[in-house]
PDB file of N, CA and C in Angstrom:
ATOM      1  N   PRO A   1     -45.778 -30.000  35.983  1.00  0.00           N
ATOM      2  CA  PRO A   1     -44.905 -29.859  35.250  1.00  0.00           C
ATOM      3  C   PRO A   1     -45.103 -28.166  35.509  1.00  0.00           C
ATOM      4  N   GLU A   2     -46.080 -27.381  35.286  1.00  0.00           N
ATOM      5  CA  GLU A   2     -45.924 -26.903  34.981  1.00  0.00           C
ATOM      6  C   GLU A   2     -45.599 -25.359  36.895  1.00  0.00           C
ATOM      7  N   LEU A   3     -46.154 -26.032  37.316  1.00  0.00           N
ATOM      8  CA  LEU A   3     -45.977 -25.982  38.337  1.00  0.00           C
ATOM      9  C   LEU A   3     -44.867 -26.051  38.777  1.00  0.00           C
ATOM     10  N   ALA A   4     -43.608 -27.127  39.314  1.00  0.00           N
ATOM     11  CA  ALA A   4     -42.580 -27.270  39.461  1.00  0.00           C
ATOM     12  C   ALA A   4     -41.554 -26.344  39.118  1.00  0.00           C
ATOM     13  N   ALA A   5     -42.005 -26.194  37.689  1.00  0.00           N
ATOM     14  CA  ALA A   5     -41.207 -24.944  36.806  1.00  0.00           C
ATOM     15  C   ALA A   5     -41.098 -23.809  37.435  1.00  0.00           C
ATOM     16  N   THR A   6     -42.601 -23.486  37.626  1.00  0.00           N
ATOM     17  CA  THR A   6     -41.796 -21.847  37.935  1.00  0.00           C
ATOM     18  C   THR A   6     -41.952 -22.316  39.368  1.00  0.00           C
ATOM     19  N   MET A   7     -41.285 -23.018  39.848  1.00  0.00           N
ATOM     20  CA  MET A   7     -41.496 -22.752  42.059  1.00  0.00           C
ATOM     21  C   MET A   7     -39.819 -23.177  41.683  1.00  0.00           C
ATOM     22  N   ALA A   8     -39.146 -23.994  40.734  1.00  0.00           N
ATOM     23  CA  ALA A   8     -38.160 -24.118  40.264  1.00  0.00           C
ATOM     24  C   ALA A   8     -36.945 -22.505  40.286  1.00  0.00           C
ATOM     25  N   ALA A   9     -37.759 -22.063  39.004  1.00  0.00           N
ATOM     26  CA  ALA A   9     -37.247 -20.711  38.722  1.00  0.00           C
ATOM     27  C   ALA A   9     -37.299 -19.336  39.663  1.00  0.00           C
ATOM     28  N   CYS A  10     -38.425 -19.338  40.743  1.00  0.00           N
ATOM     29  CA  CYS A  10     -38.194 -18.516  41.574  1.00  0.00           C
ATOM     30  C   CYS A  10     -37.527 -18.944  42.956  1.00  0.00           C
ATOM     31  N   ALA A  11     -37.396 -20.151  42.635  1.00  0.00           N
ATOM     32  CA  ALA A  11     -36.037 -20.762  44.024  1.00  0.00           C
ATOM     33  C   ALA A  11     -34.437 -20.290  43.016  1.00  0.00           C
ATOM     34  N   GLU A  12     -34.393 -21.004  42.075  1.00  0.00           N
ATOM     35  CA  GLU A  12     -33.102 -20.266  41.909  1.00  0.00           C
ATOM     36  C   GLU A  12     -32.511 -18.676  41.638  1.00  0.00           C
ATOM     37  N   HIS A  13     -33.580 -18.258  41.779  1.00  0.00           N
ATOM     38  CA  HIS A  13     -33.182 -16.043  41.698  1.00  0.00           C
ATOM     39  C   HIS A  13     -33.292 -16.054  43.240  1.00  0.00           C
ATOM     40  N   PHE A  14     -34.679 -16.648  44.181  1.00  0.00           N
ATOM     41  CA  PHE A  14     -34.134 -16.072  45.765  1.00  0.00           C
ATOM     42  C   PHE A  14     -33.557 -16.832  46.126  1.00  0.00           C
ATOM     43  N   PHE A  15     -33.173 -17.750  46.039  1.00  0.00           N
ATOM     44  CA  PHE A  15     -31.979 -18.697  47.196  1.00  0.00           C
ATOM     45  C   PHE A  15     -30.508 -18.070  47.232  1.00  0.00           C
ATOM     46  N   PRO A  16     -30.267 -17.761  46.090  1.00  0.00           N
ATOM     47  CA  PRO A  16     -28.616 -17.050  46.235  1.00  0.00           C
ATOM     48  C   PRO A  16     -29.089 -15.500  46.256  1.00  0.00           C
ATOM     49  N   ILE A  17     -30.277 -14.995  46.539  1.00  0.00           N
ATOM     50  CA  ILE A  17     -30.040 -13.697  47.097  1.00  0.00           C
ATOM     51  C   ILE A  17     -30.337 -13.690  48.512  1.00  0.00           C
ATOM     52  N   LEU A  18     -30.653 -14.715  49.019  1.00  0.00           N
ATOM     53  CA  LEU A  18     -30.903 -14.581  50.734  1.00  0.00           C
ATOM     54  C   LEU A  18     -28.986 -15.168  50.780  1.00  0.00           C
ATOM     55  N   LEU A  19     -28.202 -16.276  50.350  1.00  0.00           N
ATOM     56  CA  LEU A  19     -26.656 -16.187  50.770  1.00  0.00           C
ATOM     57  C   LEU A  19     -26.383 -15.218  50.189  1.00  0.00           C
ATOM     58  N   LEU A  20     -26.549 -14.434  49.736  1.00  0.00           N
ATOM     59  CA  LEU A  20     -25.691 -13.130  49.751  1.00  0.00           C
ATOM     60  C   LEU A  20     -25.662 -12.256  50.474  1.00  0.00           C
ATOM     61  N   PHE A  21     -26.518 -12.356  51.209  1.00  0.00           N
ATOM     62  CA  PHE A  21     -26.954 -11.397  52.087  1.00  0.00           C
ATOM     63  C   PHE A  21     -27.343 -12.259  53.682  1.00  0.00           C
ATOM     64  N   GLY A  22     -26.708 -13.234  53.840  1.00  0.00           N
ATOM     65  CA  GLY A  22     -26.698 -14.059  54.230  1.00  0.00           C
ATOM     66  C   GLY A  22     -28.209 -14.585  55.280  1.00  0.00           C
ATOM     67  N   ILE A  23     -28.742 -14.605  54.675  1.00  0.00           N
ATOM     68  CA  ILE A  23     -30.101 -14.795  55.244  1.00  0.00           C
ATOM     69  C   ILE A  23     -30.958 -16.151  55.451  1.00  0.00           C
ATOM     70  N   ALA A  24     -30.916 -16.781  56.198  1.00  0.00           N
ATOM     71  CA  ALA A  24     -31.918 -18.310  55.929  1.00  0.00           C
ATOM     72  C   ALA A  24     -30.843 -19.267  55.243  1.00  0.00           C
ATOM     73  N   THR A  25     -29.377 -18.919  55.738  1.00  0.00           N
ATOM     74  CA  THR A  25     -27.980 -19.332  55.312  1.00  0.00           C
ATOM     75  C   THR A  25     -28.459 -20.778  54.308  1.00  0.00           C
ATOM     76  N   ARG A  26     -28.020 -21.642  56.043  1.00  0.00           N
ATOM     77  CA  ARG A  26     -27.925 -22.976  55.603  1.00  0.00           C
ATOM     78  C   ARG A  26     -29.491 -23.704  55.326  1.00  0.00           C
ATOM     79  N   LEU A  27     -30.915 -23.200  55.147  1.00  0.00           N
ATOM     80  CA  LEU A  27     -32.018 -23.352  54.321  1.00  0.00           C
ATOM     81  C   LEU A  27     -32.051 -22.749  53.069  1.00  0.00           C
ATOM     82  N   SER A  28     -31.125 -21.983  52.507  1.00  0.00           N
ATOM     83  CA  SER A  28     -31.187 -21.385  51.223  1.00  0.00           C
ATOM     84  C   SER A  28     -29.575 -22.385  49.996  1.00  0.00           C
ATOM     85  N   ALA A  29     -29.088 -22.908  51.017  1.00  0.00           N
ATOM     86  CA  ALA A  29     -28.053 -23.619  50.819  1.00  0.00           C
ATOM     87  C   ALA A  29     -28.403 -25.091  50.667  1.00  0.00           C
ATOM     88  N   LEU A  30     -29.396 -25.376  51.463  1.00  0.00           N
ATOM     89  CA  LEU A  30     -29.827 -27.190  51.147  1.00  0.00           C
ATOM     90  C   LEU A  30     -31.191 -27.267  50.116  1.00  0.00           C
ATOM     91  N   GLY A  31     -31.901 -25.674  49.687  1.00  0.00           N
ATOM     92  CA  GLY A  31     -32.520 -25.705  48.557  1.00  0.00           C
ATOM     93  C   GLY A  31     -31.665 -26.097  47.137  1.00  0.00           C
ATOM     94  N   LEU A  32     -30.518 -25.131  47.156  1.00  0.00           N
ATOM     95  CA  LEU A  32     -29.961 -24.852  45.911  1.00  0.00           C
ATOM     96  C   LEU A  32     -29.159 -26.305  45.829  1.00  0.00           C
ATOM     97  N   LEU A  33     -28.514 -26.960  46.937  1.00  0.00           N
ATOM     98  CA  LEU A  33     -28.301 -28.329  46.637  1.00  0.00           C
ATOM     99  C   LEU A  33     -28.958 -28.833  46.422  1.00  0.00           C
ATOM    100  N   GLY A  34     -30.529 -29.242  46.627  1.00  0.00           N
ATOM    101  CA  GLY A  34     -31.829 -30.327  46.128  1.00  0.00           C
ATOM    102  C   GLY A  34     -31.943 -29.540  45.216  1.00  0.00           C
ATOM    103  N   MET A  35     -31.556 -28.610  44.450  1.00  0.00           N
ATOM    104  CA  MET A  35     -31.948 -28.452  42.323  1.00  0.00           C
ATOM    105  C   MET A  35     -30.706 -29.068  42.495  1.00  0.00           C
ATOM    106  N   THR A  36     -29.297 -28.569  42.628  1.00  0.00           N
ATOM    107  CA  THR A  36     -28.165 -28.896  42.220  1.00  0.00           C
ATOM    108  C   THR A  36     -27.959 -30.397  41.733  1.00  0.00           C
ATOM    109  N   LEU A  37     -28.615 -30.822  43.204  1.00  0.00           N
ATOM    110  CA  LEU A  37     -28.555 -32.239  42.809  1.00  0.00           C
ATOM    111  C   LEU A  37     -29.600 -33.505  41.556  1.00  0.00           C
ATOM    112  N   THR A  38     -30.730 -32.322  42.069  1.00  0.00           N
ATOM    113  CA  THR A  38     -31.986 -32.872  40.401  1.00  0.00           C
ATOM    114  C   THR A  38     -31.646 -32.190  38.958  1.00  0.00           C
ATOM    115  N   ILE A  39     -30.884 -31.635  39.390  1.00  0.00           N
ATOM    116  CA  ILE A  39     -30.138 -30.751  37.609  1.00  0.00           C
ATOM    117  C   ILE A  39     -29.444 -31.676  36.938  1.00  0.00           C
ATOM    118  N   GLN A  40     -28.528 -32.325  38.055  1.00  0.00           N
ATOM    119  CA  GLN A  40     -27.231 -33.027  37.705  1.00  0.00           C
ATOM    120  C   GLN A  40     -27.137 -34.672  37.684  1.00  0.00           C
ATOM    121  N   LEU A  41     -28.372 -35.071  37.996  1.00  0.00           N
ATOM    122  CA  LEU A  41     -29.270 -36.377  37.829  1.00  0.00           C
ATOM    123  C   LEU A  41     -30.041 -36.115  36.583  1.00  0.00           C
ATOM    124  N   PHE A  42     -31.007 -35.420  36.377  1.00  0.00           N
ATOM    125  CA  PHE A  42     -32.170 -35.758  35.452  1.00  0.00           C
ATOM    126  C   PHE A  42     -31.935 -34.696  34.480  1.00  0.00           C
ATOM    127  N   VAL A  43     -31.233 -33.690  34.649  1.00  0.00           N
ATOM    128  CA  VAL A  43     -31.084 -32.923  33.406  1.00  0.00           C
ATOM    129  C   VAL A  43     -29.980 -33.282  32.347  1.00  0.00           C
ATOM    130  N   TYR A  44     -28.754 -32.381  33.133  1.00  0.00           N
ATOM    131  CA  TYR A  44     -27.352 -32.658  32.841  1.00  0.00           C
ATOM    132  C   TYR A  44     -26.342 -33.715  33.176  1.00  0.00           C
ATOM    133  N   PRO A  45     -26.309 -35.193  33.697  1.00  0.00           N
ATOM    134  CA  PRO A  45     -25.898 -35.766  33.841  1.00  0.00           C
ATOM    135  C   PRO A  45     -24.196 -35.492  33.749  1.00  0.00           C
ATOM    136  N   ASP A  46     -23.964 -34.837  32.559  1.00  0.00           N
ATOM    137  CA  ASP A  46     -22.360 -35.321  31.808  1.00  0.00           C
ATOM    138  C   ASP A  46     -21.448 -33.835  32.873  1.00  0.00           C
ATOM    139  N   ALA A  47     -22.664 -33.117  33.241  1.00  0.00           N
ATOM    140  CA  ALA A  47     -21.977 -31.649  34.230  1.00  0.00           C
ATOM    141  C   ALA A  47     -21.702 -31.995  35.302  1.00  0.00           C
ATOM    142  N   TYR A  48     -20.959 -32.976  35.640  1.00  0.00           N
ATOM    143  CA  TYR A  48     -20.835 -33.398  37.261  1.00  0.00           C
ATOM    144  C   TYR A  48     -19.834 -32.353  37.751  1.00  0.00           C
ATOM    145  N   PRO A  49     -18.571 -31.468  37.432  1.00  0.00           N
ATOM    146  CA  PRO A  49     -17.438 -30.987  37.238  1.00  0.00           C
ATOM    147  C   PRO A  49     -17.636 -29.890  38.466  1.00  0.00           C
ATOM    148  N   THR A  50     -18.402 -29.420  37.258  1.00  0.00           N
ATOM    149  CA  THR A  50     -19.093 -27.779  37.517  1.00  0.00           C
ATOM    150  C   THR A  50     -20.036 -28.449  38.941  1.00  0.00           C
ATOM    151  N   HIS A  51     -21.124 -29.082  38.875  1.00  0.00           N
ATOM    152  CA  HIS A  51     -22.199 -29.521  39.998  1.00  0.00           C
ATOM    153  C   HIS A  51     -21.366 -29.957  41.037  1.00  0.00           C
ATOM    154  N   GLY A  52     -19.957 -30.614  41.031  1.00  0.00           N
ATOM    155  CA  GLY A  52     -19.466 -30.953  42.195  1.00  0.00           C
ATOM    156  C   GLY A  52     -19.177 -29.662  42.371  1.00  0.00           C
ATOM    157  N   THR A  53     -18.383 -28.708  42.415  1.00  0.00           N
ATOM    158  CA  THR A  53     -17.921 -27.388  43.338  1.00  0.00           C
ATOM    159  C   THR A  53     -19.255 -26.948  43.542  1.00  0.00           C
ATOM    160  N   TRP A  54     -20.526 -26.675  42.762  1.00  0.00           N
ATOM    161  CA  TRP A  54     -21.378 -25.502  43.635  1.00  0.00           C
ATOM    162  C   TRP A  54     -21.947 -26.807  44.375  1.00  0.00           C
ATOM    163  N   ALA A  55     -21.707 -28.454  45.020  1.00  0.00           N
ATOM    164  CA  ALA A  55     -22.270 -28.473  46.244  1.00  0.00           C
ATOM    165  C   ALA A  55     -21.536 -28.757  46.873  1.00  0.00           C
ATOM    166  N   ALA A  56     -19.489 -29.147  46.844  1.00  0.00           N
ATOM    167  CA  ALA A  56     -19.211 -29.034  47.765  1.00  0.00           C
ATOM    168  C   ALA A  56     -18.877 -27.357  48.403  1.00  0.00           C
ATOM    169  N   LEU A  57     -19.340 -26.330  47.541  1.00  0.00           N
ATOM    170  CA  LEU A  57     -19.880 -25.202  48.460  1.00  0.00           C
ATOM    171  C   LEU A  57     -20.925 -25.119  49.476  1.00  0.00           C
ATOM    172  N   LEU A  58     -21.529 -25.767  48.536  1.00  0.00           N
ATOM    173  CA  LEU A  58     -23.265 -25.127  49.683  1.00  0.00           C
ATOM    174  C   LEU A  58     -22.749 -26.317  50.286  1.00  0.00           C
ATOM    175  N   LEU A  59     -22.730 -27.592  50.703  1.00  0.00           N
ATOM    176  CA  LEU A  59     -22.284 -28.072  51.003  1.00  0.00           C
ATOM    177  C   LEU A  59     -21.501 -27.688  52.765  1.00  0.00           C
ATOM    178  N   TYR A  60     -20.717 -26.758  52.589  1.00  0.00           N
ATOM    179  CA  TYR A  60     -19.735 -26.014  53.533  1.00  0.00           C
ATOM    180  C   TYR A  60     -20.642 -25.010  54.343  1.00  0.00           C
ATOM    181  N   LEU A  61     -21.677 -24.031  53.325  1.00  0.00           N
ATOM    182  CA  LEU A  61     -22.210 -23.458  53.962  1.00  0.00           C
ATOM    183  C   LEU A  61     -23.294 -24.335  54.855  1.00  0.00           C
ATOM    184  N   LEU A  62     -23.307 -25.017  54.438  1.00  0.00           N
ATOM    185  CA  LEU A  62     -24.247 -26.571  55.486  1.00  0.00           C
ATOM    186  C   LEU A  62     -23.777 -26.511  56.610  1.00  0.00           C
ATOM    187  N   ALA A  63     -22.519 -26.941  56.581  1.00  0.00           N
ATOM    188  CA  ALA A  63     -21.838 -26.926  57.768  1.00  0.00           C
ATOM    189  C   ALA A  63     -21.197 -26.024  58.527  1.00  0.00           C
ATOM    190  N   GLN A  64     -21.131 -25.022  57.963  1.00  0.00           N
ATOM    191  CA  GLN A  64     -20.505 -24.276  58.718  1.00  0.00           C
ATOM    192  C   GLN A  64     -21.489 -23.081  59.068  1.00  0.00           C
ATOM    193  N   GLY A  65     -22.309 -22.658  58.258  1.00  0.00           N
ATOM    194  CA  GLY A  65     -23.315 -21.376  58.376  1.00  0.00           C
ATOM    195  C   GLY A  65     -22.266 -20.552  57.908  1.00  0.00           C
ATOM    196  N   PRO A  66     -23.172 -19.259  58.158  1.00  0.00           N
ATOM    197  CA  PRO A  66     -22.722 -17.701  57.507  1.00  0.00           C
ATOM    198  C   PRO A  66     -21.530 -17.307  58.364  1.00  0.00           C
ATOM    199  N   GLY A  67     -20.664 -16.665  57.797  1.00  0.00           N
ATOM    200  CA  GLY A  67     -19.826 -15.472  58.079  1.00  0.00           C
ATOM    201  C   GLY A  67     -19.953 -14.908  59.201  1.00  0.00           C
ATOM    202  N   LYS A  68     -19.249 -13.698  59.438  1.00  0.00           N
ATOM    203  CA  LYS A  68     -19.372 -12.835  60.754  1.00  0.00           C
ATOM    204  C   LYS A  68     -19.999 -11.644  60.314  1.00  0.00           C
ATOM    205  N   ILE A  69     -20.086 -11.803  58.148  1.00  0.00           N
ATOM    206  CA  ILE A  69     -20.466  -9.714  57.490  1.00  0.00           C
ATOM    207  C   ILE A  69     -22.083 -11.221  57.201  1.00  0.00           C
ATOM    208  N   SER A  70     -23.148 -11.005  57.958  1.00  0.00           N
ATOM    209  CA  SER A  70     -24.156 -11.469  58.240  1.00  0.00           C
ATOM    210  C   SER A  70     -25.313 -11.234  58.528  1.00  0.00           C
ATOM    211  N   PHE A  71     -26.498 -11.648  58.207  1.00  0.00           N
ATOM    212  CA  PHE A  71     -27.694 -10.949  59.396  1.00  0.00           C
ATOM    213  C   PHE A  71     -28.102 -11.984  59.800  1.00  0.00           C
ATOM    214  N   ASP A  72     -27.416 -13.947  59.559  1.00  0.00           N
ATOM    215  CA  ASP A  72     -27.869 -14.186  60.252  1.00  0.00           C
ATOM    216  C   ASP A  72     -26.934 -14.545  61.432  1.00  0.00           C
ATOM    217  N   HIS A  73     -25.334 -13.896  61.373  1.00  0.00           N
ATOM    218  CA  HIS A  73     -24.760 -13.403  62.403  1.00  0.00           C
ATOM    219  C   HIS A  73     -25.237 -12.592  63.259  1.00  0.00           C
ATOM    220  N   TRP A  74     -25.738 -11.557  62.738  1.00  0.00           N
ATOM    221  CA  TRP A  74     -26.077 -10.056  63.348  1.00  0.00           C
ATOM    222  C   TRP A  74     -27.693 -10.438  64.347  1.00  0.00           C
ATOM    223  N   ILE A  75     -28.217 -11.596  63.779  1.00  0.00           N
ATOM    224  CA  ILE A  75     -29.826 -12.230  64.286  1.00  0.00           C
ATOM    225  C   ILE A  75     -29.144 -12.682  65.546  1.00  0.00           C
ATOM    226  N   ALA A  76     -28.116 -13.941  65.412  1.00  0.00           N
ATOM    227  CA  ALA A  76     -27.530 -14.584  67.016  1.00  0.00           C
ATOM    228  C   ALA A  76     -27.374 -13.986  67.032  1.00  0.00           C
ATOM    229  N   LYS A  77     -26.504 -13.092  67.325  1.00  0.00           N
ATOM    230  CA  LYS A  77     -25.522 -12.184  67.930  1.00  0.00           C
ATOM    231  C   LYS A  77     -26.800 -10.853  68.899  1.00  0.00           C
ATOM    232  N   ARG A  78     -27.253 -10.742  68.046  1.00  0.00           N
ATOM    233  CA  ARG A  78     -28.416  -9.375  69.275  1.00  0.00           C
ATOM    234  C   ARG A  78     -29.703 -10.299  70.365  1.00  0.00           C
ATOM    235  N   TYR A  79     -30.089 -11.469  69.240  1.00  0.00           N
ATOM    236  CA  TYR A  79     -30.887 -12.161  70.239  1.00  0.00           C
ATOM    237  C   TYR A  79     -30.805 -13.259  70.550  1.00  0.00           C
TER     238      TYR A  79
END
């Protein structure tokens, strides 16, 4: 449990920063979606309106990818 808690805390801080800058957007969104689903199922089962909103936004990022103002787009365009 100690390792899982440490990994979750690091991911909870690291993935949003990656999303903010558009770095590894789909991978970061997938990681946050997994965390959101885990929290919804095991920690706060009555918080589905909030987690549903988060999941919808993360699914959009998974499907569409980053926008034109992102490092992912710049790297893909450059290489």
